[in-house]
Amino acid sequence: MQKVFNHKNGQYLNIQDRQIYFETIGYKSKSVLVMLHGGFGNIEELNPIAKYLSEYFYIIGIDSAGHGKSTLGKENLTYKKIEEDISEILNHLNIKNFNILGFSDGAVVALRLAYNDNFNIDKLVAIGTSWCVNDIIDSEEMLKDMDVNSAKEIFSDSYNFYQVNNPEANFEFFVKQILNMWLDKTSRGQPNEDVCKIKASTLLIRGDNDFLSSLESYVQLQKNIENSSILNIPFSEHIVFAEQPQIVEIALKEFLLKN
């Protein structure tokens, strides 16, 4: 049984002019858990979590458009586009009922999917997420300062993987597309007030020193999702599951495995 993602045993689904790579791990007889990675990343960044959750779930990991081994295509990259690609893969696999865990950009997409009427999501985990236009405004100046060179430095591991493995590698264009997605204030971007439609039991996880998502924003998000809880973890920043792995593991097992 494969316990972690390796970018060797997956497959592609052709969606319009792009190829989206996905991989399955764990036990097929178990409940489905969809895992969505963050911006500039790929499914392997979620292996610190996948290595123990694969014992309990049939996990589907998906490289978002332009990320990892997935191609970007000609359309602008948006959270809505990624959501639509995930939906296409789930429909292709004939999966309507599942749990979902998203990190950062993947969490934004998970929130969007959670009020999609085409699916029945039991439990939702959002780690290091943003959710509304105010989150964009709070980080707008910082994001506008990013360029291809700073992105190579900040996301060096992901950049190196991308250069070797992406079938249509064009990092400069990719950076522009991601920055446009992050700064998108239209309905194709953050879910905003639509999070009120989420019915899934929800766990919101945040590192206490995460400069990309404020505690105040999380509290407001929690108020907007009827059945939700916040875990704010001290001594950690954005990639909280790597910085405080034991706390995150305990919380995820308690949340995802209990009835």
C-alpha atoms as a PDB file:
ATOM      1  CA  MET A   1       0.000   0.000   0.000  1.00  0.00           C
ATOM      2  CA  GLN A   2       1.412   3.350  -1.060  1.00  0.00           C
ATOM      3  CA  LYS A   3       1.467   5.722   1.938  1.00  0.00           C
ATOM      4  CA  VAL A   4       2.797   8.951   0.418  1.00  0.00           C
ATOM      5  CA  PHE A   5       2.700  10.793  -2.896  1.00  0.00           C
ATOM      6  CA  ASN A   6       5.673  10.190  -5.202  1.00  0.00           C
ATOM      7  CA  HIS A   7       4.683  11.579  -8.641  1.00  0.00           C
ATOM      8  CA  LYS A   8       5.366   8.153 -10.125  1.00  0.00           C
ATOM      9  CA  ASN A   9       2.149   6.182  -9.814  1.00  0.00           C
ATOM     10  CA  GLY A  10      -0.468   8.734 -10.848  1.00  0.00           C
ATOM     11  CA  GLN A  11      -2.301   9.603 -14.037  1.00  0.00           C
ATOM     12  CA  TYR A  12      -3.468  12.576 -16.081  1.00  0.00           C
ATOM     13  CA  LEU A  13      -6.918  13.809 -16.950  1.00  0.00           C
ATOM     14  CA  ASN A  14      -7.173  16.047 -20.010  1.00  0.00           C
ATOM     15  CA  ILE A  15      -9.362  19.067 -19.234  1.00  0.00           C
ATOM     16  CA  GLN A  16      -9.721  21.477 -22.153  1.00  0.00           C
ATOM     17  CA  ASP A  17      -6.167  22.528 -23.057  1.00  0.00           C
ATOM     18  CA  ARG A  18      -4.492  21.358 -19.845  1.00  0.00           C
ATOM     19  CA  GLN A  19      -3.399  18.073 -18.326  1.00  0.00           C
ATOM     20  CA  ILE A  20      -4.122  17.685 -14.620  1.00  0.00           C
ATOM     21  CA  TYR A  21      -2.060  15.141 -12.698  1.00  0.00           C
ATOM     22  CA  PHE A  22      -3.564  13.205  -9.786  1.00  0.00           C
ATOM     23  CA  GLU A  23      -2.460  10.322  -7.620  1.00  0.00           C
ATOM     24  CA  THR A  24      -4.216   7.968  -5.202  1.00  0.00           C
ATOM     25  CA  ILE A  25      -2.762   6.425  -2.049  1.00  0.00           C
ATOM     26  CA  GLY A  26      -4.108   4.483   0.911  1.00  0.00           C
ATOM     27  CA  TYR A  27      -6.812   1.819   0.954  1.00  0.00           C
ATOM     28  CA  LYS A  28      -9.495   1.928  -1.738  1.00  0.00           C
ATOM     29  CA  SER A  29     -11.977   0.336   0.678  1.00  0.00           C
ATOM     30  CA  LYS A  30     -11.737   3.340   3.034  1.00  0.00           C
ATOM     31  CA  SER A  31     -13.567   6.679   2.964  1.00  0.00           C
ATOM     32  CA  VAL A  32     -12.275   9.199   0.432  1.00  0.00           C
ATOM     33  CA  LEU A  33     -10.105  12.132   1.473  1.00  0.00           C
ATOM     34  CA  VAL A  34      -9.192  14.754  -1.150  1.00  0.00           C
ATOM     35  CA  MET A  35      -5.964  16.641  -0.409  1.00  0.00           C
ATOM     36  CA  LEU A  36      -5.135  19.997  -2.040  1.00  0.00           C
ATOM     37  CA  HIS A  37      -1.715  21.651  -1.802  1.00  0.00           C
ATOM     38  CA  GLY A  38      -0.679  25.307  -1.583  1.00  0.00           C
ATOM     39  CA  GLY A  39       0.494  27.882  -4.116  1.00  0.00           C
ATOM     40  CA  PHE A  40       3.721  27.048  -6.008  1.00  0.00           C
ATOM     41  CA  GLY A  41       3.660  23.610  -4.341  1.00  0.00           C
ATOM     42  CA  ASN A  42       2.565  20.129  -5.325  1.00  0.00           C
ATOM     43  CA  ILE A  43       1.024  17.088  -3.667  1.00  0.00           C
ATOM     44  CA  GLU A  44       4.325  15.933  -2.161  1.00  0.00           C
ATOM     45  CA  GLU A  45       4.321  18.923   0.232  1.00  0.00           C
ATOM     46  CA  LEU A  46       1.388  17.208   1.962  1.00  0.00           C
ATOM     47  CA  ASN A  47       3.314  13.983   2.650  1.00  0.00           C
ATOM     48  CA  PRO A  48       3.930  14.894   6.331  1.00  0.00           C
ATOM     49  CA  ILE A  49       0.140  14.538   6.727  1.00  0.00           C
ATOM     50  CA  ALA A  50      -0.496  11.857   4.101  1.00  0.00           C
ATOM     51  CA  LYS A  51       1.954   9.426   5.695  1.00  0.00           C
ATOM     52  CA  TYR A  52      -0.383   8.807   8.637  1.00  0.00           C
ATOM     53  CA  LEU A  53      -3.821   9.595   7.164  1.00  0.00           C
ATOM     54  CA  SER A  54      -3.253   7.070   4.349  1.00  0.00           C
ATOM     55  CA  GLU A  55      -3.747   4.369   7.010  1.00  0.00           C
ATOM     56  CA  TYR A  56      -7.357   5.473   7.416  1.00  0.00           C
ATOM     57  CA  PHE A  57      -8.440   6.923   4.048  1.00  0.00           C
ATOM     58  CA  TYR A  58      -8.346   6.452   0.314  1.00  0.00           C
ATOM     59  CA  ILE A  59      -6.570   9.700  -0.519  1.00  0.00           C
ATOM     60  CA  ILE A  60      -6.733  11.576  -3.803  1.00  0.00           C
ATOM     61  CA  GLY A  61      -3.983  14.154  -4.291  1.00  0.00           C
ATOM     62  CA  ILE A  62      -4.182  16.587  -7.195  1.00  0.00           C
ATOM     63  CA  ASP A  63      -1.528  18.911  -8.624  1.00  0.00           C
ATOM     64  CA  SER A  64      -3.373  22.169  -9.344  1.00  0.00           C
ATOM     65  CA  ALA A  65      -3.183  23.609 -12.862  1.00  0.00           C
ATOM     66  CA  GLY A  66       0.376  24.762 -13.601  1.00  0.00           C
ATOM     67  CA  HIS A  67       1.728  23.189 -10.409  1.00  0.00           C
ATOM     68  CA  GLY A  68       3.827  20.052 -10.032  1.00  0.00           C
ATOM     69  CA  LYS A  69       3.227  17.859 -13.070  1.00  0.00           C
ATOM     70  CA  SER A  70      -0.008  19.583 -14.179  1.00  0.00           C
ATOM     71  CA  THR A  71       0.031  21.940 -17.147  1.00  0.00           C
ATOM     72  CA  LEU A  72      -1.403  25.443 -16.956  1.00  0.00           C
ATOM     73  CA  GLY A  73      -3.117  25.851 -20.297  1.00  0.00           C
ATOM     74  CA  LYS A  74      -3.973  29.199 -21.846  1.00  0.00           C
ATOM     75  CA  GLU A  75      -6.744  30.352 -19.498  1.00  0.00           C
ATOM     76  CA  ASN A  76      -5.933  32.625 -16.578  1.00  0.00           C
ATOM     77  CA  LEU A  77      -5.317  30.782 -13.341  1.00  0.00           C
ATOM     78  CA  THR A  78      -8.093  31.360 -10.780  1.00  0.00           C
ATOM     79  CA  TYR A  79      -9.390  29.597  -7.713  1.00  0.00           C
ATOM     80  CA  LYS A  80     -12.574  28.909  -9.668  1.00  0.00           C
ATOM     81  CA  LYS A  81     -10.559  27.242 -12.445  1.00  0.00           C
ATOM     82  CA  ILE A  82      -8.787  24.997  -9.929  1.00  0.00           C
ATOM     83  CA  GLU A  83     -12.127  24.177  -8.315  1.00  0.00           C
ATOM     84  CA  GLU A  84     -13.540  23.201 -11.703  1.00  0.00           C
ATOM     85  CA  ASP A  85     -10.535  20.967 -12.424  1.00  0.00           C
ATOM     86  CA  ILE A  86     -10.938  19.189  -9.073  1.00  0.00           C
ATOM     87  CA  SER A  87     -14.633  18.719  -9.835  1.00  0.00           C
ATOM     88  CA  GLU A  88     -13.800  17.194 -13.228  1.00  0.00           C
ATOM     89  CA  ILE A  89     -11.426  14.685 -11.640  1.00  0.00           C
ATOM     90  CA  LEU A  90     -13.920  13.710  -8.941  1.00  0.00           C
ATOM     91  CA  ASN A  91     -16.642  13.253 -11.554  1.00  0.00           C
ATOM     92  CA  HIS A  92     -14.219  11.213 -13.665  1.00  0.00           C
ATOM     93  CA  LEU A  93     -13.633   8.959 -10.644  1.00  0.00           C
ATOM     94  CA  ASN A  94     -17.385   8.891  -9.907  1.00  0.00           C
ATOM     95  CA  ILE A  95     -16.849  10.309  -6.421  1.00  0.00           C
ATOM     96  CA  LYS A  96     -19.616  12.414  -4.881  1.00  0.00           C
ATOM     97  CA  ASN A  97     -19.084  11.812  -1.157  1.00  0.00           C
ATOM     98  CA  PHE A  98     -15.764  12.650   0.446  1.00  0.00           C
ATOM     99  CA  ASN A  99     -13.768  14.530   3.071  1.00  0.00           C
ATOM    100  CA  ILE A 100     -11.396  17.275   2.017  1.00  0.00           C
ATOM    101  CA  LEU A 101      -8.206  18.824   3.384  1.00  0.00           C
ATOM    102  CA  GLY A 102      -6.633  21.882   1.838  1.00  0.00           C
ATOM    103  CA  PHE A 103      -3.547  23.910   2.658  1.00  0.00           C
ATOM    104  CA  SER A 104      -3.216  27.615   1.762  1.00  0.00           C
ATOM    105  CA  ASP A 105      -4.447  28.003  -1.845  1.00  0.00           C
ATOM    106  CA  GLY A 106      -5.735  24.443  -1.591  1.00  0.00           C
ATOM    107  CA  ALA A 107      -7.770  25.480   1.449  1.00  0.00           C
ATOM    108  CA  VAL A 108      -9.379  28.327  -0.507  1.00  0.00           C
ATOM    109  CA  VAL A 109     -10.399  25.818  -3.178  1.00  0.00           C
ATOM    110  CA  ALA A 110     -11.623  23.397  -0.496  1.00  0.00           C
ATOM    111  CA  LEU A 111     -13.872  26.141   0.921  1.00  0.00           C
ATOM    112  CA  ARG A 112     -15.269  26.783  -2.553  1.00  0.00           C
ATOM    113  CA  LEU A 113     -15.909  23.073  -3.121  1.00  0.00           C
ATOM    114  CA  ALA A 114     -17.605  22.740   0.257  1.00  0.00           C
ATOM    115  CA  TYR A 115     -20.663  24.700  -0.918  1.00  0.00           C
ATOM    116  CA  ASN A 116     -20.732  23.086  -4.373  1.00  0.00           C
ATOM    117  CA  ASP A 117     -24.145  21.431  -4.684  1.00  0.00           C
ATOM    118  CA  ASN A 118     -22.729  18.642  -6.846  1.00  0.00           C
ATOM    119  CA  PHE A 119     -20.857  17.063  -3.918  1.00  0.00           C
ATOM    120  CA  ASN A 120     -21.526  15.849  -0.406  1.00  0.00           C
ATOM    121  CA  ILE A 121     -18.580  16.756   1.826  1.00  0.00           C
ATOM    122  CA  ASP A 122     -18.637  15.243   5.287  1.00  0.00           C
ATOM    123  CA  LYS A 123     -15.621  16.922   6.878  1.00  0.00           C
ATOM    124  CA  LEU A 124     -13.484  19.863   5.792  1.00  0.00           C
ATOM    125  CA  VAL A 125     -10.030  20.875   7.024  1.00  0.00           C
ATOM    126  CA  ALA A 126      -8.656  24.270   5.974  1.00  0.00           C
ATOM    127  CA  ILE A 127      -5.040  24.986   6.958  1.00  0.00           C
ATOM    128  CA  GLY A 128      -3.491  28.436   6.525  1.00  0.00           C
ATOM    129  CA  THR A 129      -6.421  29.703   4.495  1.00  0.00           C
ATOM    130  CA  SER A 130      -7.667  33.059   3.320  1.00  0.00           C
ATOM    131  CA  TRP A 131     -11.339  33.482   2.463  1.00  0.00           C
ATOM    132  CA  CYS A 132     -12.375  37.063   1.757  1.00  0.00           C
ATOM    133  CA  VAL A 133     -11.381  40.250  -0.034  1.00  0.00           C
ATOM    134  CA  ASN A 134     -10.147  41.773   3.232  1.00  0.00           C
ATOM    135  CA  ASP A 135      -7.478  39.064   3.379  1.00  0.00           C
ATOM    136  CA  ILE A 136      -6.259  40.197  -0.041  1.00  0.00           C
ATOM    137  CA  ILE A 137      -6.170  43.825   1.040  1.00  0.00           C
ATOM    138  CA  ASP A 138      -4.158  42.935   4.152  1.00  0.00           C
ATOM    139  CA  SER A 139      -1.405  41.254   2.114  1.00  0.00           C
ATOM    140  CA  GLU A 140      -1.687  43.194  -1.161  1.00  0.00           C
ATOM    141  CA  GLU A 141       1.438  45.329  -0.789  1.00  0.00           C
ATOM    142  CA  MET A 142       3.584  42.346   0.164  1.00  0.00           C
ATOM    143  CA  LEU A 143       2.338  40.286  -2.792  1.00  0.00           C
ATOM    144  CA  LYS A 144       2.902  43.104  -5.259  1.00  0.00           C
ATOM    145  CA  ASP A 145       6.581  43.102  -4.309  1.00  0.00           C
ATOM    146  CA  MET A 146       7.035  39.490  -5.388  1.00  0.00           C
ATOM    147  CA  ASP A 147       8.621  38.734  -8.761  1.00  0.00           C
ATOM    148  CA  VAL A 148      10.090  35.707 -10.501  1.00  0.00           C
ATOM    149  CA  ASN A 149      13.434  36.006  -8.693  1.00  0.00           C
ATOM    150  CA  SER A 150      11.956  36.281  -5.206  1.00  0.00           C
ATOM    151  CA  ALA A 151       9.579  33.417  -6.006  1.00  0.00           C
ATOM    152  CA  LYS A 152      12.526  31.206  -6.996  1.00  0.00           C
ATOM    153  CA  GLU A 153      14.163  31.976  -3.664  1.00  0.00           C
ATOM    154  CA  ILE A 154      11.106  31.629  -1.426  1.00  0.00           C
ATOM    155  CA  PHE A 155       9.791  28.495  -3.135  1.00  0.00           C
ATOM    156  CA  SER A 156      13.156  27.012  -4.112  1.00  0.00           C
ATOM    157  CA  ASP A 157      12.221  23.344  -3.609  1.00  0.00           C
ATOM    158  CA  SER A 158       8.983  23.708  -5.551  1.00  0.00           C
ATOM    159  CA  TYR A 159      10.771  25.663  -8.276  1.00  0.00           C
ATOM    160  CA  ASN A 160      13.408  22.953  -8.705  1.00  0.00           C
ATOM    161  CA  PHE A 161      10.723  20.256  -8.909  1.00  0.00           C
ATOM    162  CA  TYR A 162       8.707  22.332 -11.368  1.00  0.00           C
ATOM    163  CA  GLN A 163      11.646  22.917 -13.693  1.00  0.00           C
ATOM    164  CA  VAL A 164      12.430  19.205 -13.904  1.00  0.00           C
ATOM    165  CA  ASN A 165       8.935  17.722 -13.926  1.00  0.00           C
ATOM    166  CA  ASN A 166       6.416  20.143 -15.397  1.00  0.00           C
ATOM    167  CA  PRO A 167       5.649  19.260 -19.041  1.00  0.00           C
ATOM    168  CA  GLU A 168       5.250  22.927 -20.011  1.00  0.00           C
ATOM    169  CA  ALA A 169       7.598  24.700 -17.602  1.00  0.00           C
ATOM    170  CA  ASN A 170       7.524  28.500 -17.926  1.00  0.00           C
ATOM    171  CA  PHE A 171       8.168  29.811 -14.444  1.00  0.00           C
ATOM    172  CA  GLU A 172       8.003  33.514 -15.241  1.00  0.00           C
ATOM    173  CA  PHE A 173       4.510  33.158 -16.747  1.00  0.00           C
ATOM    174  CA  PHE A 174       3.508  30.839 -13.905  1.00  0.00           C
ATOM    175  CA  VAL A 175       4.506  33.417 -11.275  1.00  0.00           C
ATOM    176  CA  LYS A 176       2.426  36.109 -12.991  1.00  0.00           C
ATOM    177  CA  GLN A 177      -0.575  33.792 -13.092  1.00  0.00           C
ATOM    178  CA  ILE A 178      -0.337  32.906  -9.402  1.00  0.00           C
ATOM    179  CA  LEU A 179       0.064  36.541  -8.349  1.00  0.00           C
ATOM    180  CA  ASN A 180      -2.983  37.485 -10.419  1.00  0.00           C
ATOM    181  CA  MET A 181      -4.938  34.699  -8.700  1.00  0.00           C
ATOM    182  CA  TRP A 182      -3.859  35.841  -5.252  1.00  0.00           C
ATOM    183  CA  LEU A 183      -4.909  39.428  -5.991  1.00  0.00           C
ATOM    184  CA  ASP A 184      -8.196  38.528  -7.712  1.00  0.00           C
ATOM    185  CA  LYS A 185     -11.109  40.309  -5.997  1.00  0.00           C
ATOM    186  CA  THR A 186     -13.792  38.955  -8.351  1.00  0.00           C
ATOM    187  CA  SER A 187     -16.171  36.019  -7.824  1.00  0.00           C
ATOM    188  CA  ARG A 188     -13.507  33.742  -9.383  1.00  0.00           C
ATOM    189  CA  GLY A 189     -11.337  34.285  -6.320  1.00  0.00           C
ATOM    190  CA  GLN A 190     -12.055  34.153  -2.598  1.00  0.00           C
ATOM    191  CA  PRO A 191     -15.366  32.553  -1.518  1.00  0.00           C
ATOM    192  CA  ASN A 192     -16.314  35.555   0.663  1.00  0.00           C
ATOM    193  CA  GLU A 193     -19.856  35.388   2.070  1.00  0.00           C
ATOM    194  CA  ASP A 194     -20.555  32.122   0.255  1.00  0.00           C
ATOM    195  CA  VAL A 195     -18.792  30.313   3.114  1.00  0.00           C
ATOM    196  CA  CYS A 196     -22.102  30.705   4.968  1.00  0.00           C
ATOM    197  CA  LYS A 197     -23.443  27.943   2.701  1.00  0.00           C
ATOM    198  CA  ILE A 198     -20.950  25.379   4.029  1.00  0.00           C
ATOM    199  CA  LYS A 199     -22.678  22.565   5.915  1.00  0.00           C
ATOM    200  CA  ALA A 200     -19.691  20.239   6.385  1.00  0.00           C
ATOM    201  CA  SER A 201     -18.158  19.854   9.818  1.00  0.00           C
ATOM    202  CA  THR A 202     -15.117  22.126   9.545  1.00  0.00           C
ATOM    203  CA  LEU A 203     -11.747  22.441  11.277  1.00  0.00           C
ATOM    204  CA  LEU A 204      -9.771  25.634  10.668  1.00  0.00           C
ATOM    205  CA  ILE A 205      -6.062  25.318  11.496  1.00  0.00           C
ATOM    206  CA  ARG A 206      -3.701  28.269  11.745  1.00  0.00           C
ATOM    207  CA  GLY A 207      -0.166  28.924  12.935  1.00  0.00           C
ATOM    208  CA  ASP A 208      -0.246  31.704  15.515  1.00  0.00           C
ATOM    209  CA  ASN A 209       2.506  33.618  13.702  1.00  0.00           C
ATOM    210  CA  ASP A 210       1.075  33.135  10.211  1.00  0.00           C
ATOM    211  CA  PHE A 211       1.412  36.539   8.544  1.00  0.00           C
ATOM    212  CA  LEU A 212      -0.734  35.449   5.581  1.00  0.00           C
ATOM    213  CA  SER A 213      -3.928  34.871   7.557  1.00  0.00           C
ATOM    214  CA  SER A 214      -4.833  36.803  10.695  1.00  0.00           C
ATOM    215  CA  LEU A 215      -6.511  35.321  13.743  1.00  0.00           C
ATOM    216  CA  GLU A 216      -9.210  37.987  13.413  1.00  0.00           C
ATOM    217  CA  SER A 217     -10.006  36.759   9.913  1.00  0.00           C
ATOM    218  CA  TYR A 218     -10.168  33.169  11.161  1.00  0.00           C
ATOM    219  CA  VAL A 219     -12.577  34.121  13.938  1.00  0.00           C
ATOM    220  CA  GLN A 220     -14.847  35.811  11.403  1.00  0.00           C
ATOM    221  CA  LEU A 221     -14.645  32.768   9.120  1.00  0.00           C
ATOM    222  CA  GLN A 222     -15.546  30.495  12.025  1.00  0.00           C
ATOM    223  CA  LYS A 223     -18.580  32.653  12.773  1.00  0.00           C
ATOM    224  CA  ASN A 224     -19.713  32.275   9.165  1.00  0.00           C
ATOM    225  CA  ILE A 225     -19.472  28.467   9.059  1.00  0.00           C
ATOM    226  CA  GLU A 226     -22.133  26.969  11.276  1.00  0.00           C
ATOM    227  CA  ASN A 227     -20.368  23.778  12.383  1.00  0.00           C
ATOM    228  CA  SER A 228     -16.727  24.850  12.650  1.00  0.00           C
ATOM    229  CA  SER A 229     -13.850  25.101  15.112  1.00  0.00           C
ATOM    230  CA  ILE A 230     -10.501  26.926  15.151  1.00  0.00           C
ATOM    231  CA  LEU A 231      -7.176  25.431  16.164  1.00  0.00           C
ATOM    232  CA  ASN A 232      -4.658  28.269  16.542  1.00  0.00           C
ATOM    233  CA  ILE A 233      -1.251  26.654  17.147  1.00  0.00           C
ATOM    234  CA  PRO A 234       1.486  28.619  18.963  1.00  0.00           C
ATOM    235  CA  PHE A 235       5.148  28.759  17.919  1.00  0.00           C
ATOM    236  CA  SER A 236       4.368  28.199  14.219  1.00  0.00           C
ATOM    237  CA  GLU A 237       3.857  30.132  11.007  1.00  0.00           C
ATOM    238  CA  HIS A 238       2.229  29.271   7.679  1.00  0.00           C
ATOM    239  CA  ILE A 239       3.312  25.661   7.132  1.00  0.00           C
ATOM    240  CA  VAL A 240       2.062  24.677  10.547  1.00  0.00           C
ATOM    241  CA  PHE A 241       1.892  20.927   9.831  1.00  0.00           C
ATOM    242  CA  ALA A 242       5.660  20.896   9.267  1.00  0.00           C
ATOM    243  CA  GLU A 243       6.483  23.169  12.207  1.00  0.00           C
ATOM    244  CA  GLN A 244       4.204  21.518  14.789  1.00  0.00           C
ATOM    245  CA  PRO A 245       3.569  18.063  13.286  1.00  0.00           C
ATOM    246  CA  GLN A 246       2.573  16.284  16.500  1.00  0.00           C
ATOM    247  CA  ILE A 247      -0.129  18.808  17.412  1.00  0.00           C
ATOM    248  CA  VAL A 248      -1.535  18.761  13.888  1.00  0.00           C
ATOM    249  CA  GLU A 249      -1.534  14.965  13.740  1.00  0.00           C
ATOM    250  CA  ILE A 250      -3.428  14.668  17.016  1.00  0.00           C
ATOM    251  CA  ALA A 251      -5.987  17.270  15.910  1.00  0.00           C
ATOM    252  CA  LEU A 252      -6.523  15.766  12.458  1.00  0.00           C
ATOM    253  CA  LYS A 253      -7.023  12.251  13.789  1.00  0.00           C
ATOM    254  CA  GLU A 254      -9.396  13.490  16.485  1.00  0.00           C
ATOM    255  CA  PHE A 255     -11.412  15.484  13.965  1.00  0.00           C
ATOM    256  CA  LEU A 256     -11.391  13.207  10.917  1.00  0.00           C
ATOM    257  CA  LEU A 257     -11.662   9.808  12.587  1.00  0.00           C
ATOM    258  CA  LYS A 258     -14.317  10.439  15.217  1.00  0.00           C
ATOM    259  CA  ASN A 259     -17.969   9.825  14.316  1.00  0.00           C
END
